[in-house]
Amino acid sequence: MPAAWPLVAKPLVGAAIGWFTNWLAIRMLFRPRQARRLLGLTVQGVIPRRRNEIAERLAQAFERELFSHQDVQGALQDPAYQEALRTHIEEHVRRYLTGKVAGSPLLVRALVSDGMVGRLAAGITEEAMSQLPSIVGKAAEELEARFDIRAVVRSKIEALDQERLEALVLELSHRELRFIEILGGVVGFIVAGIFTAVEAIL
């Protein structure tokens, strides 16, 4: 048993080293949060050191790949949305006209029937909907001029507390990072086992 112990111990040590180096590499993505001098070198976690650059690139990717002003305009022009909007507008106009008629003199109430109110509401709604493409286009242009999606995303990321940013990244990628740690141990065990077996043969 003592003679066989090195054959087991070396792969276990290799596994421990492989796991530890991957664990350390993952932690060094975030630590140290502030730049530190070590052996004449400035050491800082990758994410804290490149925080602004990462924020800018994420903001660019978000605007380019995930969400843009064109997406907003497309959503407003979606036929299903416009049909729902038409219904809401017509209901609102109908309630408004009904309220006005109810508060009018008796003669006006006698002349204006519910059917007339319905037709008026439908006509006003139709006119409003006919102008919607122009309104949406102008609104989208105004939104694009006043609301910079990339700047908003970048400022949100930059405003995140470093601890919160670290916790968020770890929360989103916990399984993947854990797999990397375990993989380091497995690879270390296999490599050390191979070298140990070759050494024993030779």
C-alpha atoms as a PDB file:
ATOM      1  CA  MET A   1       0.000   0.000   0.000  1.00  0.00           C
ATOM      2  CA  PRO A   2       2.727   2.551   0.844  1.00  0.00           C
ATOM      3  CA  ALA A   3       4.425   1.778  -2.501  1.00  0.00           C
ATOM      4  CA  ALA A   4       1.184   2.443  -4.366  1.00  0.00           C
ATOM      5  CA  TRP A   5       0.477   5.653  -2.490  1.00  0.00           C
ATOM      6  CA  PRO A   6       2.505   7.918  -4.882  1.00  0.00           C
ATOM      7  CA  LEU A   7       0.487   6.545  -7.798  1.00  0.00           C
ATOM      8  CA  VAL A   8      -2.661   7.885  -6.114  1.00  0.00           C
ATOM      9  CA  ALA A   9      -1.228  10.933  -4.380  1.00  0.00           C
ATOM     10  CA  LYS A  10       0.279  12.588  -7.450  1.00  0.00           C
ATOM     11  CA  PRO A  11      -2.965  12.587  -9.486  1.00  0.00           C
ATOM     12  CA  LEU A  12      -4.834  13.905  -6.444  1.00  0.00           C
ATOM     13  CA  VAL A  13      -2.289  16.680  -6.024  1.00  0.00           C
ATOM     14  CA  GLY A  14      -2.586  17.426  -9.757  1.00  0.00           C
ATOM     15  CA  ALA A  15      -6.367  17.587  -9.410  1.00  0.00           C
ATOM     16  CA  ALA A  16      -6.075  19.954  -6.438  1.00  0.00           C
ATOM     17  CA  ILE A  17      -3.645  22.206  -8.319  1.00  0.00           C
ATOM     18  CA  GLY A  18      -5.812  22.210 -11.462  1.00  0.00           C
ATOM     19  CA  TRP A  19      -8.938  23.065  -9.467  1.00  0.00           C
ATOM     20  CA  PHE A  20      -7.158  25.767  -7.444  1.00  0.00           C
ATOM     21  CA  THR A  21      -5.593  27.507 -10.450  1.00  0.00           C
ATOM     22  CA  ASN A  22      -8.964  27.709 -12.223  1.00  0.00           C
ATOM     23  CA  TRP A  23     -10.679  28.873  -9.010  1.00  0.00           C
ATOM     24  CA  LEU A  24      -7.998  31.560  -8.591  1.00  0.00           C
ATOM     25  CA  ALA A  25      -8.254  32.644 -12.232  1.00  0.00           C
ATOM     26  CA  ILE A  26     -12.021  33.110 -11.892  1.00  0.00           C
ATOM     27  CA  ARG A  27     -11.612  35.127  -8.677  1.00  0.00           C
ATOM     28  CA  MET A  28      -8.971  37.286 -10.367  1.00  0.00           C
ATOM     29  CA  LEU A  29     -11.567  38.389 -12.875  1.00  0.00           C
ATOM     30  CA  PHE A  30     -12.903  40.573 -10.043  1.00  0.00           C
ATOM     31  CA  ARG A  31     -10.100  40.796  -7.462  1.00  0.00           C
ATOM     32  CA  PRO A  32      -8.400  42.852  -6.395  1.00  0.00           C
ATOM     33  CA  ARG A  33     -11.064  45.481  -7.003  1.00  0.00           C
ATOM     34  CA  GLN A  34      -8.558  48.304  -6.528  1.00  0.00           C
ATOM     35  CA  ALA A  35      -5.128  48.364  -8.183  1.00  0.00           C
ATOM     36  CA  ARG A  36      -2.409  46.915  -5.931  1.00  0.00           C
ATOM     37  CA  ARG A  37       1.375  46.864  -6.234  1.00  0.00           C
ATOM     38  CA  LEU A  38       2.793  43.339  -6.046  1.00  0.00           C
ATOM     39  CA  LEU A  39       6.447  42.519  -6.688  1.00  0.00           C
ATOM     40  CA  GLY A  40       6.820  45.732  -8.651  1.00  0.00           C
ATOM     41  CA  LEU A  41       3.736  45.020 -10.782  1.00  0.00           C
ATOM     42  CA  THR A  42       0.312  46.655 -10.700  1.00  0.00           C
ATOM     43  CA  VAL A  43      -2.328  43.994 -10.154  1.00  0.00           C
ATOM     44  CA  GLN A  44      -6.068  44.495 -10.534  1.00  0.00           C
ATOM     45  CA  GLY A  45      -9.000  42.297 -11.517  1.00  0.00           C
ATOM     46  CA  VAL A  46      -9.766  42.207 -15.237  1.00  0.00           C
ATOM     47  CA  ILE A  47     -13.345  43.449 -14.884  1.00  0.00           C
ATOM     48  CA  PRO A  48     -12.603  46.349 -12.466  1.00  0.00           C
ATOM     49  CA  ARG A  49      -9.628  47.446 -14.589  1.00  0.00           C
ATOM     50  CA  ARG A  50     -11.565  47.406 -17.866  1.00  0.00           C
ATOM     51  CA  ARG A  51     -14.932  48.371 -16.395  1.00  0.00           C
ATOM     52  CA  ASN A  52     -15.531  51.401 -18.641  1.00  0.00           C
ATOM     53  CA  GLU A  53     -14.460  49.568 -21.785  1.00  0.00           C
ATOM     54  CA  ILE A  54     -16.668  46.592 -20.905  1.00  0.00           C
ATOM     55  CA  ALA A  55     -19.615  48.915 -20.215  1.00  0.00           C
ATOM     56  CA  GLU A  56     -19.161  50.640 -23.588  1.00  0.00           C
ATOM     57  CA  ARG A  57     -18.912  47.362 -25.507  1.00  0.00           C
ATOM     58  CA  LEU A  58     -21.908  45.864 -23.740  1.00  0.00           C
ATOM     59  CA  ALA A  59     -23.910  49.023 -24.464  1.00  0.00           C
ATOM     60  CA  GLN A  60     -22.931  48.878 -28.145  1.00  0.00           C
ATOM     61  CA  ALA A  61     -23.857  45.192 -28.356  1.00  0.00           C
ATOM     62  CA  PHE A  62     -27.160  45.827 -26.552  1.00  0.00           C
ATOM     63  CA  GLU A  63     -28.146  48.581 -28.959  1.00  0.00           C
ATOM     64  CA  ARG A  64     -26.910  46.702 -32.046  1.00  0.00           C
ATOM     65  CA  GLU A  65     -28.141  43.198 -31.266  1.00  0.00           C
ATOM     66  CA  LEU A  66     -30.899  43.416 -28.655  1.00  0.00           C
ATOM     67  CA  PHE A  67     -32.776  46.696 -28.589  1.00  0.00           C
ATOM     68  CA  SER A  68     -32.787  49.829 -30.728  1.00  0.00           C
ATOM     69  CA  HIS A  69     -35.007  52.721 -31.729  1.00  0.00           C
ATOM     70  CA  GLN A  70     -35.990  50.736 -34.822  1.00  0.00           C
ATOM     71  CA  ASP A  71     -37.347  48.019 -32.514  1.00  0.00           C
ATOM     72  CA  VAL A  72     -39.547  50.595 -30.776  1.00  0.00           C
ATOM     73  CA  GLN A  73     -40.800  51.915 -34.094  1.00  0.00           C
ATOM     74  CA  GLY A  74     -41.437  48.371 -35.329  1.00  0.00           C
ATOM     75  CA  ALA A  75     -43.437  47.535 -32.205  1.00  0.00           C
ATOM     76  CA  LEU A  76     -45.578  50.662 -32.635  1.00  0.00           C
ATOM     77  CA  GLN A  77     -46.253  49.733 -36.272  1.00  0.00           C
ATOM     78  CA  ASP A  78     -47.219  46.144 -35.474  1.00  0.00           C
ATOM     79  CA  PRO A  79     -50.775  45.519 -36.817  1.00  0.00           C
ATOM     80  CA  ALA A  80     -51.887  43.709 -33.642  1.00  0.00           C
ATOM     81  CA  TYR A  81     -50.695  46.619 -31.485  1.00  0.00           C
ATOM     82  CA  GLN A  82     -52.370  49.168 -33.756  1.00  0.00           C
ATOM     83  CA  GLU A  83     -55.649  47.247 -33.637  1.00  0.00           C
ATOM     84  CA  ALA A  84     -55.516  47.184 -29.824  1.00  0.00           C
ATOM     85  CA  LEU A  85     -54.677  50.908 -29.878  1.00  0.00           C
ATOM     86  CA  ARG A  86     -57.629  51.596 -32.165  1.00  0.00           C
ATOM     87  CA  THR A  87     -59.966  49.867 -29.703  1.00  0.00           C
ATOM     88  CA  HIS A  88     -58.621  51.862 -26.748  1.00  0.00           C
ATOM     89  CA  ILE A  89     -58.862  55.162 -28.629  1.00  0.00           C
ATOM     90  CA  GLU A  90     -62.414  54.501 -29.771  1.00  0.00           C
ATOM     91  CA  GLU A  91     -63.528  53.501 -26.265  1.00  0.00           C
ATOM     92  CA  HIS A  92     -61.941  56.628 -24.789  1.00  0.00           C
ATOM     93  CA  VAL A  93     -63.494  58.923 -27.425  1.00  0.00           C
ATOM     94  CA  ARG A  94     -66.886  57.277 -26.965  1.00  0.00           C
ATOM     95  CA  ARG A  95     -66.782  57.777 -23.174  1.00  0.00           C
ATOM     96  CA  TYR A  96     -65.651  61.378 -23.636  1.00  0.00           C
ATOM     97  CA  LEU A  97     -68.454  62.213 -26.089  1.00  0.00           C
ATOM     98  CA  THR A  98     -71.044  60.398 -23.962  1.00  0.00           C
ATOM     99  CA  GLY A  99     -70.004  62.446 -20.938  1.00  0.00           C
ATOM    100  CA  LYS A 100     -70.184  65.695 -22.894  1.00  0.00           C
ATOM    101  CA  VAL A 101     -73.627  64.859 -24.251  1.00  0.00           C
ATOM    102  CA  ALA A 102     -74.873  63.878 -20.777  1.00  0.00           C
ATOM    103  CA  GLY A 103     -73.835  67.285 -19.460  1.00  0.00           C
ATOM    104  CA  SER A 104     -75.442  69.183 -22.346  1.00  0.00           C
ATOM    105  CA  PRO A 105     -78.874  70.872 -22.409  1.00  0.00           C
ATOM    106  CA  LEU A 106     -81.934  68.669 -22.856  1.00  0.00           C
ATOM    107  CA  LEU A 107     -82.347  69.652 -26.526  1.00  0.00           C
ATOM    108  CA  VAL A 108     -78.812  68.510 -27.379  1.00  0.00           C
ATOM    109  CA  ARG A 109     -79.333  65.229 -25.517  1.00  0.00           C
ATOM    110  CA  ALA A 110     -82.548  64.682 -27.463  1.00  0.00           C
ATOM    111  CA  LEU A 111     -80.857  65.275 -30.822  1.00  0.00           C
ATOM    112  CA  VAL A 112     -77.691  63.269 -30.204  1.00  0.00           C
ATOM    113  CA  SER A 113     -78.429  59.544 -29.994  1.00  0.00           C
ATOM    114  CA  ASP A 114     -76.127  56.779 -28.804  1.00  0.00           C
ATOM    115  CA  GLY A 115     -75.741  55.684 -32.426  1.00  0.00           C
ATOM    116  CA  MET A 116     -74.568  59.164 -33.416  1.00  0.00           C
ATOM    117  CA  VAL A 117     -72.044  59.142 -30.564  1.00  0.00           C
ATOM    118  CA  GLY A 118     -70.776  55.750 -31.770  1.00  0.00           C
ATOM    119  CA  ARG A 119     -70.410  56.983 -35.356  1.00  0.00           C
ATOM    120  CA  LEU A 120     -68.616  60.140 -34.204  1.00  0.00           C
ATOM    121  CA  ALA A 121     -66.263  58.086 -32.039  1.00  0.00           C
ATOM    122  CA  ALA A 122     -65.533  55.709 -34.928  1.00  0.00           C
ATOM    123  CA  GLY A 123     -64.901  58.627 -37.324  1.00  0.00           C
ATOM    124  CA  ILE A 124     -62.558  60.422 -34.943  1.00  0.00           C
ATOM    125  CA  THR A 125     -60.713  57.175 -34.280  1.00  0.00           C
ATOM    126  CA  GLU A 126     -60.358  56.452 -37.989  1.00  0.00           C
ATOM    127  CA  GLU A 127     -58.881  59.903 -38.587  1.00  0.00           C
ATOM    128  CA  ALA A 128     -56.483  59.466 -35.665  1.00  0.00           C
ATOM    129  CA  MET A 129     -55.364  56.058 -36.970  1.00  0.00           C
ATOM    130  CA  SER A 130     -54.802  57.418 -40.471  1.00  0.00           C
ATOM    131  CA  GLN A 131     -52.344  59.908 -38.998  1.00  0.00           C
ATOM    132  CA  LEU A 132     -50.635  57.287 -36.821  1.00  0.00           C
ATOM    133  CA  PRO A 133     -47.792  56.335 -39.235  1.00  0.00           C
ATOM    134  CA  SER A 134     -46.730  59.967 -39.483  1.00  0.00           C
ATOM    135  CA  ILE A 135     -47.052  60.429 -35.721  1.00  0.00           C
ATOM    136  CA  VAL A 136     -45.063  57.255 -35.022  1.00  0.00           C
ATOM    137  CA  GLY A 137     -42.315  58.301 -37.427  1.00  0.00           C
ATOM    138  CA  LYS A 138     -41.965  61.747 -35.865  1.00  0.00           C
ATOM    139  CA  ALA A 139     -42.148  60.304 -32.350  1.00  0.00           C
ATOM    140  CA  ALA A 140     -39.414  57.781 -33.192  1.00  0.00           C
ATOM    141  CA  GLU A 141     -37.182  60.541 -34.564  1.00  0.00           C
ATOM    142  CA  GLU A 142     -37.771  62.653 -31.456  1.00  0.00           C
ATOM    143  CA  LEU A 143     -37.089  59.672 -29.202  1.00  0.00           C
ATOM    144  CA  GLU A 144     -33.857  58.872 -31.026  1.00  0.00           C
ATOM    145  CA  ALA A 145     -32.721  62.483 -30.674  1.00  0.00           C
ATOM    146  CA  ARG A 146     -33.561  62.702 -26.972  1.00  0.00           C
ATOM    147  CA  PHE A 147     -32.965  59.153 -25.717  1.00  0.00           C
ATOM    148  CA  ASP A 148     -29.552  57.563 -26.274  1.00  0.00           C
ATOM    149  CA  ILE A 149     -30.032  53.852 -25.556  1.00  0.00           C
ATOM    150  CA  ARG A 150     -26.295  53.145 -25.621  1.00  0.00           C
ATOM    151  CA  ALA A 151     -25.528  55.944 -23.162  1.00  0.00           C
ATOM    152  CA  VAL A 152     -28.283  54.806 -20.796  1.00  0.00           C
ATOM    153  CA  VAL A 153     -27.082  51.180 -20.769  1.00  0.00           C
ATOM    154  CA  ARG A 154     -23.448  52.271 -20.351  1.00  0.00           C
ATOM    155  CA  SER A 155     -24.261  54.589 -17.457  1.00  0.00           C
ATOM    156  CA  LYS A 156     -26.329  51.872 -15.750  1.00  0.00           C
ATOM    157  CA  ILE A 157     -23.451  49.395 -15.942  1.00  0.00           C
ATOM    158  CA  GLU A 158     -20.872  51.950 -14.814  1.00  0.00           C
ATOM    159  CA  ALA A 159     -23.096  52.957 -11.892  1.00  0.00           C
ATOM    160  CA  LEU A 160     -23.253  49.379 -10.591  1.00  0.00           C
ATOM    161  CA  ASP A 161     -21.409  48.861  -7.328  1.00  0.00           C
ATOM    162  CA  GLN A 162     -18.387  46.577  -7.892  1.00  0.00           C
ATOM    163  CA  GLU A 163     -19.675  44.066  -5.366  1.00  0.00           C
ATOM    164  CA  ARG A 164     -23.078  44.083  -7.025  1.00  0.00           C
ATOM    165  CA  LEU A 165     -21.499  43.668 -10.483  1.00  0.00           C
ATOM    166  CA  GLU A 166     -19.451  40.702  -9.248  1.00  0.00           C
ATOM    167  CA  ALA A 167     -22.488  39.134  -7.591  1.00  0.00           C
ATOM    168  CA  LEU A 168     -24.538  39.632 -10.765  1.00  0.00           C
ATOM    169  CA  VAL A 169     -21.936  38.008 -13.029  1.00  0.00           C
ATOM    170  CA  LEU A 170     -21.457  35.092 -10.623  1.00  0.00           C
ATOM    171  CA  GLU A 171     -25.216  34.665 -10.292  1.00  0.00           C
ATOM    172  CA  LEU A 172     -25.732  34.558 -14.058  1.00  0.00           C
ATOM    173  CA  SER A 173     -22.787  32.244 -14.791  1.00  0.00           C
ATOM    174  CA  HIS A 174     -22.528  30.223 -11.582  1.00  0.00           C
ATOM    175  CA  ARG A 175     -22.935  26.823 -13.253  1.00  0.00           C
ATOM    176  CA  GLU A 176     -20.489  27.589 -16.055  1.00  0.00           C
ATOM    177  CA  LEU A 177     -17.815  28.920 -13.678  1.00  0.00           C
ATOM    178  CA  ARG A 178     -18.308  25.959 -11.366  1.00  0.00           C
ATOM    179  CA  PHE A 179     -17.859  23.648 -14.346  1.00  0.00           C
ATOM    180  CA  ILE A 180     -14.585  25.402 -15.217  1.00  0.00           C
ATOM    181  CA  GLU A 181     -13.312  24.860 -11.667  1.00  0.00           C
ATOM    182  CA  ILE A 182     -14.217  21.170 -11.754  1.00  0.00           C
ATOM    183  CA  LEU A 183     -12.767  20.794 -15.240  1.00  0.00           C
ATOM    184  CA  GLY A 184      -9.456  22.150 -13.937  1.00  0.00           C
ATOM    185  CA  GLY A 185      -9.426  19.435 -11.281  1.00  0.00           C
ATOM    186  CA  VAL A 186     -10.298  16.696 -13.778  1.00  0.00           C
ATOM    187  CA  VAL A 187      -7.638  17.805 -16.266  1.00  0.00           C
ATOM    188  CA  GLY A 188      -5.067  18.126 -13.487  1.00  0.00           C
ATOM    189  CA  PHE A 189      -5.907  14.607 -12.263  1.00  0.00           C
ATOM    190  CA  ILE A 190      -5.642  13.102 -15.758  1.00  0.00           C
ATOM    191  CA  VAL A 191      -2.386  14.859 -16.663  1.00  0.00           C
ATOM    192  CA  ALA A 192      -0.755  14.001 -13.333  1.00  0.00           C
ATOM    193  CA  GLY A 193      -2.024  10.420 -13.651  1.00  0.00           C
ATOM    194  CA  ILE A 194      -0.501  10.081 -17.112  1.00  0.00           C
ATOM    195  CA  PHE A 195       2.875  11.418 -15.951  1.00  0.00           C
ATOM    196  CA  THR A 196       2.773   9.168 -12.891  1.00  0.00           C
ATOM    197  CA  ALA A 197       1.990   6.115 -15.019  1.00  0.00           C
ATOM    198  CA  VAL A 198       4.768   6.931 -17.504  1.00  0.00           C
ATOM    199  CA  GLU A 199       7.187   7.493 -14.630  1.00  0.00           C
ATOM    200  CA  ALA A 200       6.251   4.136 -13.092  1.00  0.00           C
ATOM    201  CA  ILE A 201       6.705   2.327 -16.429  1.00  0.00           C
ATOM    202  CA  LEU A 202      10.075   3.899 -17.077  1.00  0.00           C
END
